[in-house]
Amino acid sequence: VLWALYPGIRDRVLAEHGQIREHVNVFVGNEDVRHTGGLATPLPAAAEISIVPAISGG
């Protein structure tokens, strides 16, 4: 549903094989989806989804 609502965001969040890009963090509530099932993470009613680019520097 997210991709249907915001079609331009898919290529910014997902790499070519469909996995979340290394430099992008996706959270459902306070939980990183990499630790809760990835894109198959269940979404409770009224869940807040955060898509956050990683910041690095040197």
PDB file of N, CA and C in Angstrom:
ATOM      1  N   VAL A   1       0.827  -1.194   0.000  1.00  0.00           N
ATOM      2  CA  VAL A   1       0.000   0.000   0.000  1.00  0.00           C
ATOM      3  C   VAL A   1       0.868   1.253   0.000  1.00  0.00           C
ATOM      4  N   LEU A   2       1.974   1.233   0.746  1.00  0.00           N
ATOM      5  CA  LEU A   2       2.851   2.401   0.806  1.00  0.00           C
ATOM      6  C   LEU A   2       3.332   2.796  -0.585  1.00  0.00           C
ATOM      7  N   TRP A   3       3.731   1.785  -1.380  1.00  0.00           N
ATOM      8  CA  TRP A   3       4.238   2.081  -2.720  1.00  0.00           C
ATOM      9  C   TRP A   3       3.135   2.637  -3.609  1.00  0.00           C
ATOM     10  N   ALA A   4       1.898   2.221  -3.405  1.00  0.00           N
ATOM     11  CA  ALA A   4       0.787   2.751  -4.197  1.00  0.00           C
ATOM     12  C   ALA A   4       0.511   4.209  -3.839  1.00  0.00           C
ATOM     13  N   LEU A   5       0.605   4.532  -2.557  1.00  0.00           N
ATOM     14  CA  LEU A   5       0.371   5.911  -2.118  1.00  0.00           C
ATOM     15  C   LEU A   5       1.520   6.842  -2.497  1.00  0.00           C
ATOM     16  N   TYR A   6       2.738   6.325  -2.447  1.00  0.00           N
ATOM     17  CA  TYR A   6       3.937   7.127  -2.712  1.00  0.00           C
ATOM     18  C   TYR A   6       4.852   6.363  -3.676  1.00  0.00           C
ATOM     19  N   PRO A   7       4.500   6.290  -4.961  1.00  0.00           N
ATOM     20  CA  PRO A   7       5.247   5.444  -5.898  1.00  0.00           C
ATOM     21  C   PRO A   7       6.720   5.823  -6.058  1.00  0.00           C
ATOM     22  N   GLY A   8       7.087   7.079  -5.904  1.00  0.00           N
ATOM     23  CA  GLY A   8       8.467   7.499  -6.088  1.00  0.00           C
ATOM     24  C   GLY A   8       9.409   7.072  -4.982  1.00  0.00           C
ATOM     25  N   ILE A   9       8.872   6.645  -3.869  1.00  0.00           N
ATOM     26  CA  ILE A   9       9.711   6.312  -2.718  1.00  0.00           C
ATOM     27  C   ILE A   9      10.305   4.901  -2.805  1.00  0.00           C
ATOM     28  N   ARG A  10       9.687   4.038  -3.560  1.00  0.00           N
ATOM     29  CA  ARG A  10      10.131   2.635  -3.617  1.00  0.00           C
ATOM     30  C   ARG A  10      11.603   2.506  -4.012  1.00  0.00           C
ATOM     31  N   ASP A  11      12.006   3.183  -5.080  1.00  0.00           N
ATOM     32  CA  ASP A  11      13.385   3.074  -5.548  1.00  0.00           C
ATOM     33  C   ASP A  11      14.381   3.712  -4.588  1.00  0.00           C
ATOM     34  N   ARG A  12      13.933   4.591  -3.745  1.00  0.00           N
ATOM     35  CA  ARG A  12      14.820   5.223  -2.767  1.00  0.00           C
ATOM     36  C   ARG A  12      14.997   4.361  -1.520  1.00  0.00           C
ATOM     37  N   VAL A  13      14.009   3.503  -1.248  1.00  0.00           N
ATOM     38  CA  VAL A  13      14.051   2.660  -0.049  1.00  0.00           C
ATOM     39  C   VAL A  13      14.596   1.269  -0.361  1.00  0.00           C
ATOM     40  N   LEU A  14      14.235   0.722  -1.522  1.00  0.00           N
ATOM     41  CA  LEU A  14      14.605  -0.656  -1.850  1.00  0.00           C
ATOM     42  C   LEU A  14      15.715  -0.731  -2.886  1.00  0.00           C
ATOM     43  N   ALA A  15      16.611  -1.690  -2.710  1.00  0.00           N
ATOM     44  CA  ALA A  15      17.646  -1.988  -3.700  1.00  0.00           C
ATOM     45  C   ALA A  15      17.015  -2.818  -4.821  1.00  0.00           C
ATOM     46  N   GLU A  16      17.793  -3.123  -5.835  1.00  0.00           N
ATOM     47  CA  GLU A  16      17.238  -3.781  -7.021  1.00  0.00           C
ATOM     48  C   GLU A  16      16.616  -5.149  -6.767  1.00  0.00           C
ATOM     49  N   HIS A  17      17.049  -5.870  -5.741  1.00  0.00           N
ATOM     50  CA  HIS A  17      16.478  -7.190  -5.461  1.00  0.00           C
ATOM     51  C   HIS A  17      15.362  -7.144  -4.426  1.00  0.00           C
ATOM     52  N   GLY A  18      14.914  -5.939  -4.061  1.00  0.00           N
ATOM     53  CA  GLY A  18      13.781  -5.806  -3.163  1.00  0.00           C
ATOM     54  C   GLY A  18      14.108  -5.701  -1.689  1.00  0.00           C
ATOM     55  N   GLN A  19      15.383  -5.754  -1.317  1.00  0.00           N
ATOM     56  CA  GLN A  19      15.739  -5.608   0.090  1.00  0.00           C
ATOM     57  C   GLN A  19      15.901  -4.120   0.415  1.00  0.00           C
ATOM     58  N   ILE A  20      15.763  -3.790   1.686  1.00  0.00           N
ATOM     59  CA  ILE A  20      15.927  -2.404   2.123  1.00  0.00           C
ATOM     60  C   ILE A  20      17.384  -2.003   1.919  1.00  0.00           C
ATOM     61  N   ARG A  21      17.584  -0.842   1.342  1.00  0.00           N
ATOM     62  CA  ARG A  21      18.946  -0.349   1.099  1.00  0.00           C
ATOM     63  C   ARG A  21      19.712  -0.212   2.410  1.00  0.00           C
ATOM     64  N   GLU A  22      21.026  -0.401   2.349  1.00  0.00           N
ATOM     65  CA  GLU A  22      21.871  -0.339   3.544  1.00  0.00           C
ATOM     66  C   GLU A  22      21.789   1.002   4.252  1.00  0.00           C
ATOM     67  N   HIS A  23      21.681   2.070   3.495  1.00  0.00           N
ATOM     68  CA  HIS A  23      21.717   3.411   4.084  1.00  0.00           C
ATOM     69  C   HIS A  23      20.337   3.947   4.472  1.00  0.00           C
ATOM     70  N   VAL A  24      19.344   3.068   4.468  1.00  0.00           N
ATOM     71  CA  VAL A  24      17.982   3.465   4.833  1.00  0.00           C
ATOM     72  C   VAL A  24      17.531   2.622   6.023  1.00  0.00           C
ATOM     73  N   ASN A  25      16.964   3.268   7.012  1.00  0.00           N
ATOM     74  CA  ASN A  25      16.403   2.574   8.174  1.00  0.00           C
ATOM     75  C   ASN A  25      14.891   2.730   8.145  1.00  0.00           C
ATOM     76  N   VAL A  26      14.186   1.633   8.333  1.00  0.00           N
ATOM     77  CA  VAL A  26      12.723   1.649   8.356  1.00  0.00           C
ATOM     78  C   VAL A  26      12.276   1.147   9.722  1.00  0.00           C
ATOM     79  N   PHE A  27      11.422   1.917  10.358  1.00  0.00           N
ATOM     80  CA  PHE A  27      10.928   1.584  11.692  1.00  0.00           C
ATOM     81  C   PHE A  27       9.412   1.488  11.678  1.00  0.00           C
ATOM     82  N   VAL A  28       8.889   0.530  12.425  1.00  0.00           N
ATOM     83  CA  VAL A  28       7.461   0.469  12.741  1.00  0.00           C
ATOM     84  C   VAL A  28       7.403   0.760  14.228  1.00  0.00           C
ATOM     85  N   GLY A  29       6.860   1.914  14.562  1.00  0.00           N
ATOM     86  CA  GLY A  29       6.951   2.390  15.942  1.00  0.00           C
ATOM     87  C   GLY A  29       8.414   2.661  16.240  1.00  0.00           C
ATOM     88  N   ASN A  30       8.948   2.046  17.280  1.00  0.00           N
ATOM     89  CA  ASN A  30      10.361   2.211  17.644  1.00  0.00           C
ATOM     90  C   ASN A  30      11.225   1.038  17.217  1.00  0.00           C
ATOM     91  N   GLU A  31      10.642   0.083  16.493  1.00  0.00           N
ATOM     92  CA  GLU A  31      11.356  -1.145  16.136  1.00  0.00           C
ATOM     93  C   GLU A  31      11.885  -1.097  14.706  1.00  0.00           C
ATOM     94  N   ASP A  32      13.169  -1.381  14.547  1.00  0.00           N
ATOM     95  CA  ASP A  32      13.795  -1.467  13.232  1.00  0.00           C
ATOM     96  C   ASP A  32      13.276  -2.734  12.550  1.00  0.00           C
ATOM     97  N   VAL A  33      12.710  -2.608  11.353  1.00  0.00           N
ATOM     98  CA  VAL A  33      12.121  -3.775  10.689  1.00  0.00           C
ATOM     99  C   VAL A  33      13.161  -4.817  10.293  1.00  0.00           C
ATOM    100  N   ARG A  34      14.427  -4.465  10.289  1.00  0.00           N
ATOM    101  CA  ARG A  34      15.466  -5.469  10.010  1.00  0.00           C
ATOM    102  C   ARG A  34      15.484  -6.547  11.096  1.00  0.00           C
ATOM    103  N   HIS A  35      14.961  -6.214  12.272  1.00  0.00           N
ATOM    104  CA  HIS A  35      14.955  -7.154  13.400  1.00  0.00           C
ATOM    105  C   HIS A  35      13.563  -7.714  13.694  1.00  0.00           C
ATOM    106  N   THR A  36      12.571  -7.336  12.897  1.00  0.00           N
ATOM    107  CA  THR A  36      11.202  -7.776  13.190  1.00  0.00           C
ATOM    108  C   THR A  36      10.499  -8.409  11.994  1.00  0.00           C
ATOM    109  N   GLY A  37      11.246  -8.776  10.964  1.00  0.00           N
ATOM    110  CA  GLY A  37      10.622  -9.433   9.824  1.00  0.00           C
ATOM    111  C   GLY A  37      10.761  -8.695   8.511  1.00  0.00           C
ATOM    112  N   GLY A  38      11.557  -7.647   8.487  1.00  0.00           N
ATOM    113  CA  GLY A  38      11.761  -6.908   7.240  1.00  0.00           C
ATOM    114  C   GLY A  38      10.465  -6.328   6.706  1.00  0.00           C
ATOM    115  N   LEU A  39      10.291  -6.418   5.407  1.00  0.00           N
ATOM    116  CA  LEU A  39       9.088  -5.864   4.785  1.00  0.00           C
ATOM    117  C   LEU A  39       7.839  -6.666   5.117  1.00  0.00           C
ATOM    118  N   ALA A  40       8.006  -7.841   5.718  1.00  0.00           N
ATOM    119  CA  ALA A  40       6.860  -8.655   6.140  1.00  0.00           C
ATOM    120  C   ALA A  40       6.451  -8.350   7.580  1.00  0.00           C
ATOM    121  N   THR A  41       7.068  -7.348   8.203  1.00  0.00           N
ATOM    122  CA  THR A  41       6.729  -6.980   9.580  1.00  0.00           C
ATOM    123  C   THR A  41       5.250  -6.622   9.666  1.00  0.00           C
ATOM    124  N   PRO A  42       4.510  -7.234  10.580  1.00  0.00           N
ATOM    125  CA  PRO A  42       3.088  -6.905  10.729  1.00  0.00           C
ATOM    126  C   PRO A  42       2.908  -5.444  11.152  1.00  0.00           C
ATOM    127  N   LEU A  43       1.874  -4.817  10.626  1.00  0.00           N
ATOM    128  CA  LEU A  43       1.560  -3.434  10.977  1.00  0.00           C
ATOM    129  C   LEU A  43       0.298  -3.397  11.818  1.00  0.00           C
ATOM    130  N   PRO A  44       0.430  -3.048  13.092  1.00  0.00           N
ATOM    131  CA  PRO A  44      -0.768  -2.904  13.916  1.00  0.00           C
ATOM    132  C   PRO A  44      -1.583  -1.701  13.444  1.00  0.00           C
ATOM    133  N   ALA A  45      -2.846  -1.674  13.834  1.00  0.00           N
ATOM    134  CA  ALA A  45      -3.701  -0.535  13.481  1.00  0.00           C
ATOM    135  C   ALA A  45      -3.046   0.747  13.968  1.00  0.00           C
ATOM    136  N   ALA A  46      -3.089   1.768  13.157  1.00  0.00           N
ATOM    137  CA  ALA A  46      -2.532   3.088  13.472  1.00  0.00           C
ATOM    138  C   ALA A  46      -1.021   3.051  13.697  1.00  0.00           C
ATOM    139  N   ALA A  47      -0.333   2.095  13.074  1.00  0.00           N
ATOM    140  CA  ALA A  47       1.124   2.009  13.214  1.00  0.00           C
ATOM    141  C   ALA A  47       1.780   3.226  12.582  1.00  0.00           C
ATOM    142  N   GLU A  48       2.849   3.681  13.197  1.00  0.00           N
ATOM    143  CA  GLU A  48       3.635   4.777  12.639  1.00  0.00           C
ATOM    144  C   GLU A  48       4.860   4.178  11.963  1.00  0.00           C
ATOM    145  N   ILE A  49       5.024   4.477  10.673  1.00  0.00           N
ATOM    146  CA  ILE A  49       6.162   3.994   9.906  1.00  0.00           C
ATOM    147  C   ILE A  49       7.104   5.164   9.690  1.00  0.00           C
ATOM    148  N   SER A  50       8.378   4.953  10.030  1.00  0.00           N
ATOM    149  CA  SER A  50       9.393   5.987   9.821  1.00  0.00           C
ATOM    150  C   SER A  50      10.436   5.452   8.856  1.00  0.00           C
ATOM    151  N   ILE A  51      10.756   6.245   7.843  1.00  0.00           N
ATOM    152  CA  ILE A  51      11.809   5.907   6.890  1.00  0.00           C
ATOM    153  C   ILE A  51      12.876   6.978   7.058  1.00  0.00           C
ATOM    154  N   VAL A  52      14.055   6.534   7.511  1.00  0.00           N
ATOM    155  CA  VAL A  52      15.097   7.475   7.909  1.00  0.00           C
ATOM    156  C   VAL A  52      16.393   7.155   7.170  1.00  0.00           C
ATOM    157  N   PRO A  53      16.947   8.121   6.427  1.00  0.00           N
ATOM    158  CA  PRO A  53      18.242   7.868   5.806  1.00  0.00           C
ATOM    159  C   PRO A  53      19.341   7.855   6.864  1.00  0.00           C
ATOM    160  N   ALA A  54      20.285   6.946   6.700  1.00  0.00           N
ATOM    161  CA  ALA A  54      21.416   6.886   7.626  1.00  0.00           C
ATOM    162  C   ALA A  54      22.317   8.088   7.379  1.00  0.00           C
ATOM    163  N   ILE A  55      22.931   8.573   8.429  1.00  0.00           N
ATOM    164  CA  ILE A  55      23.835   9.711   8.333  1.00  0.00           C
ATOM    165  C   ILE A  55      25.224   9.231   8.723  1.00  0.00           C
ATOM    166  N   SER A  56      26.196   9.578   7.909  1.00  0.00           N
ATOM    167  CA  SER A  56      27.567   9.204   8.242  1.00  0.00           C
ATOM    168  C   SER A  56      28.487  10.363   7.899  1.00  0.00           C
ATOM    169  N   GLY A  57      29.629  10.296   8.404  1.00  0.00           N
ATOM    170  CA  GLY A  57      30.597  11.352   8.134  1.00  0.00           C
ATOM    171  C   GLY A  57      31.971  10.910   8.564  1.00  0.00           C
ATOM    172  N   GLY A  58      32.897  11.768   8.346  1.00  0.00           N
ATOM    173  CA  GLY A  58      34.222  11.360   8.729  1.00  0.00           C
ATOM    174  C   GLY A  58      35.127  12.534   8.949  1.00  0.00           C
TER     175      GLY A  58
END
